[in-house]
Amino acid sequence: MAEDKDLSSGTLVIGLGRFGSAVAVTLEKLGYEILAVEKDPRIVRQFAGRFPLVEADASSMEALEQVGAREFRSAVVGIGTSLEASVLITANLVDVGISNIWAKAVSREHGRILRRIGAHHVVYPEFDAGQRTAHLVGGRMMDYIEMEKNGFAIMKLRPPKEVQGFTLAELDLVGRYGVNVLGLLRPGEPFEYANAMTRINAEDVIIVSGDGRLLEHFAHRP
């Protein structure tokens, strides 16, 4: 990483539990400027050297000032088990003027409180992971991303038998099932964008988009 860090575009990650540490590690790998804040010295030792990290209690406004919180554009509050700490830290970040605050919530009630005090984005890792797993269990789906609640989604799956061996023009999946094929993956080959002449084979993995309910129906066809 460069020595002259541009903190004005950086992200402050507070709390290095499973969620916070995953965010910090991923941001670091992607090359973003980050600073992690964790008050537990045992956890600080665990992650020392992996990314910029300070030991401090972010529920203290004084501590946030000392780590230069005002200089960061974004912040992620990864603390969820302590409702009081989560709310206090989020409120402190609002007060120092951070313009993009992401906060972890463990319940809908927790999330509503975080939004009321100024969190710009609230995430529910356990709920979202459970919901996503429910879509994947017992079907041919390999991955599922819901872009909006009860709406547009993207799915990766093995093609149903009835579409194997046909081109997209022959199948008219949009007209028949409301499913749009974005592209496909073939063994040993790079991702291929789909067009009308794309032929779907049994060993392919297809990437489709559309209404979540219609995708569910399509994925469970024989």
Foldseek 3Di string as FASTA:
>chain_A
DDPPDQQLAAEEQEDCDPVSVVVVLVCVVVPGAYEYEAQDVVVCVVCPPSHHYDHDQLLDLVRCVVVPLLSHQEYEYEDEPDLVSQLSNLLSSVVSPRNAYEYEYCDPVSVVSSVVSPHPHYDHVVVVVVVFVVLVPPFQWPGKADPDPQFKIKTKGQADPVQAFHFCLVVVCCVPQVKAWQWKDAPPDDIGGHDRGDHHHRRIITMIMTRPVSVSVRRHDD
